[in-house]
Amino acid sequence: MDTREKLRSAIIDWQGRTLPPLQGRRYELNIDVPHVNDIVGVRRCGKTYYMYQLISKLIDRGVPKGNILYLNLDDDRLQPLKGDELQLLIETFREMQEISEEDRLYLFLDEIQNFPLWERWVKGIYDRKQNVKMVISGSNASLLSQDISTLLTGRHLSTRMFPFSFAEFLDFHKIKYDLKTLPYSEDKAMMKRMFNEYLEKGGFPETIVYPSVRHRETLQSYFDDIIHRDIIARHSVRNPLIFRDLALFCISNIAKPHTYNSLRRLFSSYSSLSTDTIIDYIAYLEDAFLLFSVTHFDESLKQQMNKPRKLYCIDTGMINAVSFKLSSDTGRLYENMAFLHILRSGSEVYYWQNQKGLEVDFVIKEGIDPVRLIQVCSDLSSPETKEREISGLLAGMKNFRIKEGTIITADIFGEEKVDGGKIKYVPLWYWLLEAR
């Protein structure tokens, strides 16, 4: 089958497809601007369904479906289509639908990273003003890379997508709440039950939309797809078994400081594994949005780079499904979930530790200055634990000259004055809804 026939087959399939029922997401993508909209995020986080949601809105506004084309470029039938062969796409589509060049086309291309030089093709379409609105998606951070951003400067707007947030999880279950009265209402117990379910299963849409599906097996299959299809195949990883072991180790040890050298020593039985290889492997995991690194806050970039990093995972359900922990570590799951919420907000986030070992879990930076300090501790019942968390927060408040800090807990509301500063206590389930 030649290229044009492949495209014709895919276009015919799309025109005969009925859009599935859709769950709205809390993202605001302006499809009326001329820019290329790119949606990036981990595999199976909902990018395709969000595209369907945008398409439904266009149809509701009166745009004929014949002027809209969605293609999943992960489709085996379109392999091995090359980036330059996509040039035939618009020509073939207009020809089949008998659409003149004066009519606006809406082109949705899913998993566009599968095609080399796609960005040059997209730039060419935009620059030649072919009356085509493009929305593209990808499952790796390369779509946000400096080279691509430079090539498409002023031409694209990015939307970073994650699995469902806790608020979106509640939206799906049609649960309404009033934040002002929630801490004292009868709904509090129900909200905590929903939160515990969310903490266990995570936010990948399929685990929420299809609750009868065995969510652990589903998430394990997602993990395998990310490892093998998005990383090993894409980057031609020479030691796939070692790479998978490293990924599992990192997910099983989220929120713990590490250096590249410490990871290399842990895997020292693999003589071929150098520090440079470890650096590459961690970069691949981050590129696929499976893991995220948080660095130590330091005014010296050199000092910052030399300090250990902390790793967090894209989803707590994923952690529970694939990690080889013998028991659930609720505290680290809480910390991971708090990190993801900060990341969703678009804030710049670090951790901090002084020479005495006193630590702040999250330092939120706006502009050039740290503005918020956050500790996460699921259980403050032990006096020693509470003293440690408060001491770290006070040390950070003094160092950064910030008068207020937050300790995220399991179920404590309140605030207190300590050493001239104010410490606020808030449950994680509430903070996820309050902190937008």
Protein backbone atom coordinates (compact mmCIF):
# COMPACT_ATOMS: atom_id res chain seq x y z
CA MET A 1 0.00 0.00 0.00
CA ASP A 2 1.51 3.35 -1.01
CA THR A 3 1.54 6.44 1.18
CA ARG A 4 -1.57 8.02 -0.33
CA GLU A 5 -3.56 4.81 0.12
CA LYS A 6 -2.46 4.57 3.77
CA LEU A 7 -3.69 8.11 4.35
CA ARG A 8 -6.96 7.47 2.51
CA SER A 9 -7.63 4.40 4.67
CA ALA A 10 -6.99 6.32 7.90
CA ILE A 11 -9.16 9.26 6.76
CA ILE A 12 -12.07 6.95 5.85
CA ASP A 13 -11.83 5.25 9.26
CA TRP A 14 -11.96 8.62 11.02
CA GLN A 15 -14.98 9.86 9.08
CA GLY A 16 -16.92 6.74 10.06
CA ARG A 17 -16.01 6.91 13.72
CA THR A 18 -18.43 7.92 16.47
CA LEU A 19 -16.90 9.96 19.26
CA PRO A 20 -17.06 8.20 22.66
CA PRO A 21 -18.71 9.74 25.75
CA LEU A 22 -16.28 12.29 27.11
CA GLN A 23 -15.20 13.36 30.57
CA GLY A 24 -14.28 17.03 30.74
CA ARG A 25 -10.79 17.91 31.94
CA ARG A 26 -9.75 21.07 33.75
CA TYR A 27 -7.59 22.43 30.95
CA GLU A 28 -8.14 25.57 28.92
CA LEU A 29 -6.84 25.27 25.36
CA ASN A 30 -7.84 28.09 23.00
CA ILE A 31 -8.49 26.42 19.67
CA ASP A 32 -9.35 29.73 17.98
CA VAL A 33 -5.83 31.13 18.00
CA PRO A 34 -3.74 30.55 14.84
CA HIS A 35 -0.87 28.95 16.77
CA VAL A 36 -0.09 25.25 16.75
CA ASN A 37 -1.40 23.75 20.01
CA ASP A 38 0.74 20.93 21.40
CA ILE A 39 -0.49 18.67 24.19
CA VAL A 40 2.23 16.72 25.97
CA GLY A 41 2.10 14.16 28.75
CA VAL A 42 2.69 10.58 29.77
CA ARG A 43 1.17 7.79 27.69
CA ARG A 44 -2.52 7.06 28.49
CA CYS A 45 -3.04 10.18 30.61
CA GLY A 46 -5.99 11.33 28.47
CA LYS A 47 -4.47 13.33 25.60
CA THR A 48 -6.50 11.51 22.94
CA TYR A 49 -9.79 11.96 24.78
CA TYR A 50 -9.00 15.61 25.34
CA MET A 51 -8.55 15.94 21.56
CA TYR A 52 -11.95 14.27 21.13
CA GLN A 53 -13.36 16.78 23.61
CA LEU A 54 -12.00 19.66 21.52
CA ILE A 55 -13.39 18.09 18.34
CA SER A 56 -16.83 17.73 19.95
CA LYS A 57 -16.79 21.41 20.87
CA LEU A 58 -15.95 22.34 17.28
CA ILE A 59 -18.82 20.21 15.96
CA ASP A 60 -21.20 21.72 18.54
CA ARG A 61 -20.17 25.16 17.22
CA GLY A 62 -21.17 24.18 13.71
CA VAL A 63 -17.84 23.10 12.19
CA PRO A 64 -18.60 20.20 9.79
CA LYS A 65 -16.97 16.94 10.80
CA GLY A 66 -15.74 16.71 7.21
CA ASN A 67 -13.44 19.67 7.94
CA ILE A 68 -11.88 17.89 10.93
CA LEU A 69 -9.33 15.10 10.77
CA TYR A 70 -7.90 13.10 13.67
CA LEU A 71 -5.02 10.69 13.08
CA ASN A 72 -3.24 8.54 15.63
CA LEU A 73 0.30 8.38 14.26
CA ASP A 74 0.94 5.41 16.56
CA ASP A 75 -1.33 3.42 14.21
CA ASP A 76 0.58 0.45 12.75
CA ARG A 77 -1.01 1.05 9.35
CA LEU A 78 0.75 4.40 9.11
CA GLN A 79 4.16 2.86 9.73
CA PRO A 80 6.76 3.47 8.42
CA LEU A 81 5.32 6.80 7.26
CA LYS A 82 8.04 9.45 7.39
CA GLY A 83 7.72 13.05 8.45
CA ASP A 84 8.17 14.44 4.94
CA GLU A 85 5.41 12.11 3.64
CA LEU A 86 2.93 13.86 5.90
CA GLN A 87 3.03 16.61 3.27
CA LEU A 88 0.51 14.56 1.29
CA LEU A 89 -1.92 14.52 4.19
CA ILE A 90 -3.59 17.89 3.68
CA GLU A 91 -3.72 17.48 -0.10
CA THR A 92 -5.30 14.02 0.21
CA PHE A 93 -7.78 15.16 2.86
CA ARG A 94 -9.00 18.18 0.87
CA GLU A 95 -9.30 16.05 -2.24
CA MET A 96 -11.34 13.31 -0.54
CA GLN A 97 -13.66 15.73 1.27
CA GLU A 98 -13.89 18.14 -1.70
CA ILE A 99 -12.82 21.03 0.54
CA SER A 100 -11.52 24.20 -1.09
CA GLU A 101 -8.40 25.97 0.13
CA GLU A 102 -10.60 28.79 1.44
CA ASP A 103 -12.21 26.45 3.97
CA ARG A 104 -10.46 26.02 7.30
CA LEU A 105 -9.23 22.55 8.19
CA TYR A 106 -8.72 21.29 11.73
CA LEU A 107 -5.94 18.74 11.94
CA PHE A 108 -5.42 16.67 15.11
CA LEU A 109 -2.24 14.57 15.07
CA ASP A 110 -1.79 12.21 18.03
CA GLU A 111 1.64 10.85 19.09
CA ILE A 112 3.45 12.99 16.54
CA GLN A 113 6.89 12.18 17.98
CA ASN A 114 6.86 8.93 15.99
CA PHE A 115 7.80 10.81 12.84
CA PRO A 116 11.24 12.31 12.20
CA LEU A 117 11.43 16.00 11.33
CA TRP A 118 7.74 16.49 12.13
CA GLU A 119 8.48 19.91 13.58
CA ARG A 120 9.83 21.19 10.25
CA TRP A 121 6.71 19.97 8.49
CA VAL A 122 4.46 21.63 11.08
CA LYS A 123 6.43 24.87 10.79
CA GLY A 124 6.12 24.74 7.00
CA ILE A 125 2.33 24.33 7.15
CA TYR A 126 2.07 27.23 9.60
CA ASP A 127 4.39 29.53 7.64
CA ARG A 128 2.70 28.86 4.30
CA LYS A 129 -0.65 29.84 5.82
CA GLN A 130 -2.56 26.90 4.35
CA ASN A 131 -5.67 27.67 6.42
CA VAL A 132 -5.04 24.71 8.68
CA LYS A 133 -5.41 24.74 12.45
CA MET A 134 -3.15 22.09 13.99
CA VAL A 135 -3.40 20.40 17.37
CA ILE A 136 -0.65 17.87 18.05
CA SER A 137 0.16 15.59 20.97
CA GLY A 138 3.16 13.64 22.15
CA SER A 139 4.22 11.33 24.96
CA ASN A 140 7.67 12.69 25.59
CA ALA A 141 9.22 15.91 26.77
CA SER A 142 11.18 16.28 23.54
CA LEU A 143 8.20 18.26 22.25
CA LEU A 144 9.19 20.88 24.81
CA SER A 145 12.90 20.78 23.98
CA GLN A 146 14.86 23.93 23.31
CA ASP A 147 15.52 23.01 19.67
CA ILE A 148 11.85 22.55 18.88
CA SER A 149 10.81 25.60 20.87
CA THR A 150 13.35 27.64 18.92
CA LEU A 151 12.11 26.28 15.59
CA LEU A 152 8.48 26.99 16.48
CA THR A 153 9.07 30.23 18.41
CA GLY A 154 5.90 32.30 18.39
CA ARG A 155 4.04 29.58 16.53
CA HIS A 156 2.97 27.15 19.25
CA LEU A 157 1.26 27.01 22.63
CA SER A 158 1.90 24.07 24.95
CA THR A 159 -0.53 22.31 27.28
CA ARG A 160 1.08 19.91 29.72
CA MET A 161 -1.32 17.11 30.63
CA PHE A 162 -1.30 14.80 33.63
CA PRO A 163 -3.47 11.94 34.84
CA PHE A 164 -6.65 13.09 36.63
CA SER A 165 -6.14 15.45 39.54
CA PHE A 166 -8.12 14.81 42.72
CA ALA A 167 -10.55 17.57 41.70
CA GLU A 168 -11.06 15.94 38.29
CA PHE A 169 -11.49 12.57 40.02
CA LEU A 170 -14.32 14.09 42.06
CA ASP A 171 -15.76 15.75 38.94
CA PHE A 172 -16.01 12.35 37.27
CA HIS A 173 -17.86 10.92 40.26
CA LYS A 174 -20.14 14.01 40.24
CA ILE A 175 -19.21 14.89 43.81
CA LYS A 176 -19.95 18.50 44.76
CA TYR A 177 -18.41 20.23 47.74
CA ASP A 178 -18.09 23.57 49.47
CA LEU A 179 -14.53 24.18 50.61
CA LYS A 180 -15.63 26.67 53.27
CA THR A 181 -17.83 24.18 55.10
CA LEU A 182 -16.15 20.90 54.10
CA PRO A 183 -13.87 20.58 57.18
CA TYR A 184 -16.95 20.61 59.44
CA SER A 185 -19.59 18.96 57.25
CA GLU A 186 -20.96 15.41 57.16
CA ASP A 187 -19.30 15.04 53.73
CA LYS A 188 -15.82 15.03 55.27
CA ALA A 189 -15.78 11.25 55.92
CA MET A 190 -16.95 10.51 52.39
CA MET A 191 -14.33 12.87 50.96
CA LYS A 192 -11.58 11.07 52.88
CA ARG A 193 -12.78 7.72 51.54
CA MET A 194 -12.64 9.08 47.99
CA PHE A 195 -9.17 10.45 48.63
CA ASN A 196 -7.90 7.10 49.89
CA GLU A 197 -9.25 5.44 46.75
CA TYR A 198 -7.53 8.08 44.61
CA LEU A 199 -4.27 7.64 46.54
CA GLU A 200 -4.38 3.87 45.95
CA LYS A 201 -5.49 3.76 42.30
CA GLY A 202 -4.08 7.06 41.05
CA GLY A 203 -5.47 9.23 38.29
CA PHE A 204 -4.96 7.42 34.99
CA PRO A 205 -8.36 7.77 33.27
CA GLU A 206 -8.92 4.09 32.54
CA THR A 207 -8.62 3.14 36.21
CA ILE A 208 -11.31 5.71 37.03
CA VAL A 209 -13.69 5.33 34.08
CA TYR A 210 -13.64 1.51 34.30
CA PRO A 211 -13.55 0.72 38.03
CA SER A 212 -14.28 -2.98 37.44
CA VAL A 213 -11.02 -3.37 35.53
CA ARG A 214 -8.12 -4.72 37.57
CA HIS A 215 -6.30 -1.45 37.96
CA ARG A 216 -2.96 -2.92 39.04
CA GLU A 217 -2.68 -5.03 35.90
CA THR A 218 -3.71 -2.02 33.81
CA LEU A 219 -1.05 0.20 35.37
CA GLN A 220 1.58 -2.52 35.06
CA SER A 221 0.82 -2.73 31.34
CA TYR A 222 1.15 1.08 31.07
CA PHE A 223 4.52 0.85 32.77
CA ASP A 224 5.68 -1.84 30.33
CA ASP A 225 4.49 0.19 27.33
CA ILE A 226 6.31 3.29 28.53
CA ILE A 227 9.50 1.35 29.22
CA HIS A 228 9.54 -0.67 26.01
CA ARG A 229 7.77 1.48 23.42
CA ASP A 230 8.49 5.03 24.56
CA ILE A 231 12.03 4.51 25.84
CA ILE A 232 13.81 1.26 24.92
CA ALA A 233 12.63 1.24 21.29
CA ARG A 234 12.87 5.01 20.84
CA HIS A 235 16.36 5.37 22.32
CA SER A 236 17.72 1.95 21.29
CA VAL A 237 18.63 1.09 24.89
CA ARG A 238 21.35 -1.56 24.78
CA ASN A 239 20.63 -3.07 28.21
CA PRO A 240 16.81 -3.27 28.44
CA LEU A 241 16.71 -5.56 31.49
CA ILE A 242 19.11 -3.35 33.45
CA PHE A 243 17.16 -0.27 32.39
CA ARG A 244 13.89 -1.78 33.59
CA ASP A 245 15.48 -2.73 36.93
CA LEU A 246 16.71 0.84 37.37
CA ALA A 247 13.25 2.23 36.62
CA LEU A 248 11.65 -0.12 39.15
CA PHE A 249 14.25 0.79 41.78
CA CYS A 250 13.64 4.52 41.29
CA ILE A 251 9.85 4.14 41.51
CA SER A 252 10.26 2.03 44.65
CA ASN A 253 12.39 4.76 46.24
CA ILE A 254 10.58 7.96 45.38
CA ALA A 255 11.31 11.08 47.45
CA LYS A 256 14.69 9.72 48.59
CA PRO A 257 17.86 11.69 47.74
CA HIS A 258 20.21 10.11 45.21
CA THR A 259 23.18 10.99 43.05
CA TYR A 260 24.07 9.46 39.71
CA ASN A 261 27.14 7.93 41.32
CA SER A 262 25.12 6.40 44.16
CA LEU A 263 22.81 4.78 41.60
CA ARG A 264 25.80 3.49 39.67
CA ARG A 265 27.22 1.93 42.84
CA LEU A 266 23.87 0.26 43.58
CA PHE A 267 24.05 -1.34 40.16
CA SER A 268 27.79 -2.02 40.35
CA SER A 269 27.26 -5.71 39.59
CA TYR A 270 26.57 -4.57 36.02
CA SER A 271 30.14 -3.77 35.02
CA SER A 272 29.07 -2.07 31.79
CA LEU A 273 26.96 0.54 33.58
CA SER A 274 28.85 3.86 33.74
CA THR A 275 27.75 7.08 35.42
CA ASP A 276 27.11 8.58 31.98
CA THR A 277 24.80 5.67 31.19
CA ILE A 278 22.91 6.26 34.45
CA ILE A 279 22.54 9.94 33.51
CA ASP A 280 21.15 8.94 30.11
CA TYR A 281 18.76 6.40 31.61
CA ILE A 282 17.31 8.88 34.12
CA ALA A 283 16.93 11.42 31.30
CA TYR A 284 14.98 8.85 29.26
CA LEU A 285 12.62 8.22 32.19
CA GLU A 286 12.05 11.93 32.57
CA ASP A 287 11.59 12.42 28.83
CA ALA A 288 8.74 9.88 28.93
CA PHE A 289 7.15 11.73 31.89
CA LEU A 290 7.43 8.63 34.07
CA LEU A 291 9.78 10.26 36.61
CA PHE A 292 10.64 13.82 37.61
CA SER A 293 13.77 15.13 39.31
CA VAL A 294 13.74 17.77 42.03
CA THR A 295 17.04 19.48 42.75
CA HIS A 296 18.33 21.15 45.89
CA PHE A 297 17.73 24.88 46.06
CA ASP A 298 21.02 26.73 46.00
CA GLU A 299 21.94 30.19 44.74
CA SER A 300 25.02 28.61 43.17
CA LEU A 301 24.09 26.55 40.12
CA LYS A 302 27.29 24.52 40.52
CA GLN A 303 26.44 23.66 44.13
CA GLN A 304 22.89 22.83 43.10
CA MET A 305 24.07 20.38 40.44
CA ASN A 306 26.43 18.66 42.88
CA LYS A 307 23.74 18.03 45.51
CA PRO A 308 21.61 14.85 45.50
CA ARG A 309 18.32 14.88 43.61
CA LYS A 310 14.95 13.48 44.56
CA LEU A 311 12.81 11.51 42.12
CA TYR A 312 9.02 11.47 41.98
CA CYS A 313 6.67 9.35 39.85
CA ILE A 314 3.85 10.46 37.53
CA ASP A 315 1.15 8.67 39.55
CA THR A 316 0.69 7.12 42.98
CA GLY A 317 -1.35 4.28 41.46
CA MET A 318 1.64 3.47 39.26
CA ILE A 319 3.88 3.41 42.35
CA ASN A 320 1.54 1.00 44.14
CA ALA A 321 1.22 -1.22 41.06
CA VAL A 322 4.87 -1.70 40.08
CA SER A 323 7.12 -0.94 43.04
CA PHE A 324 8.65 -3.81 45.00
CA LYS A 325 8.00 -2.39 48.45
CA LEU A 326 6.85 -4.93 51.00
CA SER A 327 4.35 -2.50 52.52
CA SER A 328 2.73 0.77 51.60
CA ASP A 329 4.74 3.85 52.55
CA THR A 330 1.92 6.35 53.00
CA GLY A 331 4.24 9.22 53.85
CA ARG A 332 6.13 9.01 50.56
CA LEU A 333 2.90 8.56 48.60
CA TYR A 334 1.63 11.76 50.23
CA GLU A 335 4.83 13.55 49.29
CA ASN A 336 4.63 12.30 45.72
CA MET A 337 1.03 13.44 45.38
CA ALA A 338 1.83 16.88 46.79
CA PHE A 339 4.71 17.21 44.34
CA LEU A 340 2.44 16.35 41.37
CA HIS A 341 -0.06 18.99 42.46
CA ILE A 342 2.69 21.61 42.63
CA LEU A 343 3.92 20.52 39.21
CA ARG A 344 0.41 20.83 37.75
CA SER A 345 0.27 24.43 38.95
CA GLY A 346 3.31 25.26 36.82
CA SER A 347 5.37 26.42 39.80
CA GLU A 348 9.12 25.97 39.98
CA VAL A 349 9.88 23.54 42.82
CA TYR A 350 12.99 22.50 44.77
CA TYR A 351 13.86 20.87 48.08
CA TRP A 352 16.24 22.35 50.65
CA GLN A 353 18.51 21.05 53.40
CA ASN A 354 20.96 22.88 55.65
CA GLN A 355 24.32 21.68 56.97
CA LYS A 356 22.66 20.29 60.12
CA GLY A 357 20.41 18.05 58.03
CA LEU A 358 17.23 20.05 58.65
CA GLU A 359 15.11 19.79 55.52
CA VAL A 360 12.16 21.35 53.72
CA ASP A 361 10.38 19.02 51.31
CA PHE A 362 9.29 21.67 48.81
CA VAL A 363 10.54 25.19 48.16
CA ILE A 364 8.23 26.97 45.70
CA LYS A 365 9.93 29.65 43.64
CA GLU A 366 8.30 32.49 41.74
CA GLY A 367 10.57 34.71 39.68
CA ILE A 368 13.95 34.67 41.37
CA ASP A 369 12.75 34.25 44.95
CA PRO A 370 11.37 31.37 47.03
CA VAL A 371 7.87 32.31 48.19
CA ARG A 372 6.39 29.19 49.83
CA LEU A 373 7.73 26.34 51.96
CA ILE A 374 5.89 23.04 52.32
CA GLN A 375 6.47 19.98 54.47
CA VAL A 376 4.57 16.74 53.94
CA CYS A 377 4.02 14.31 56.81
CA SER A 378 1.10 11.90 56.94
CA ASP A 379 1.49 11.11 60.64
CA LEU A 380 2.43 13.77 63.21
CA SER A 381 1.36 11.73 66.25
CA SER A 382 4.96 11.14 67.34
CA PRO A 383 6.45 14.14 69.21
CA GLU A 384 9.83 13.40 67.63
CA THR A 385 8.36 13.43 64.14
CA LYS A 386 6.48 16.68 64.74
CA GLU A 387 9.61 18.30 66.19
CA ARG A 388 11.63 17.25 63.14
CA GLU A 389 9.10 18.61 60.66
CA ILE A 390 8.68 21.92 62.51
CA SER A 391 12.44 22.36 62.96
CA GLY A 392 13.07 21.84 59.26
CA LEU A 393 10.33 24.27 58.30
CA LEU A 394 11.52 26.94 60.76
CA ALA A 395 15.10 26.59 59.50
CA GLY A 396 13.85 27.09 55.95
CA MET A 397 11.68 30.06 56.94
CA LYS A 398 14.67 31.69 58.60
CA ASN A 399 17.00 30.97 55.68
CA PHE A 400 14.60 32.31 53.04
CA ARG A 401 13.09 35.04 55.24
CA ILE A 402 9.58 33.71 54.81
CA LYS A 403 7.14 34.26 57.68
CA GLU A 404 4.77 31.36 57.03
CA GLY A 405 5.15 27.66 56.23
CA THR A 406 2.75 24.77 55.60
CA ILE A 407 2.76 21.22 56.91
CA ILE A 408 0.54 18.91 54.88
CA THR A 409 -0.90 16.14 57.04
CA ALA A 410 -3.44 13.32 56.93
CA ASP A 411 -6.22 15.02 58.87
CA ILE A 412 -5.06 18.03 60.89
CA PHE A 413 -6.45 21.54 60.38
CA GLY A 414 -5.00 24.50 62.24
CA GLU A 415 -2.15 26.94 62.66
CA GLU A 416 0.24 28.02 65.37
CA LYS A 417 2.85 30.67 66.03
CA VAL A 418 6.35 29.28 66.58
CA ASP A 419 9.48 31.41 67.04
CA GLY A 420 7.82 34.43 65.47
CA GLY A 421 6.61 32.52 62.40
CA LYS A 422 3.29 30.97 61.51
CA ILE A 423 2.84 27.30 60.66
CA LYS A 424 -0.32 26.18 58.94
CA TYR A 425 -1.54 22.57 59.12
CA VAL A 426 -3.82 21.23 56.40
CA PRO A 427 -4.85 17.71 55.31
CA LEU A 428 -3.59 16.63 51.90
CA TRP A 429 -7.10 15.77 50.65
CA TYR A 430 -8.24 19.34 51.41
CA TRP A 431 -5.06 21.04 50.19
CA LEU A 432 -5.39 19.33 46.79
CA LEU A 433 -8.75 21.06 46.35
CA GLU A 434 -7.79 24.35 47.99
CA ALA A 435 -4.39 24.97 46.38
CA ARG A 436 -5.06 25.78 42.73
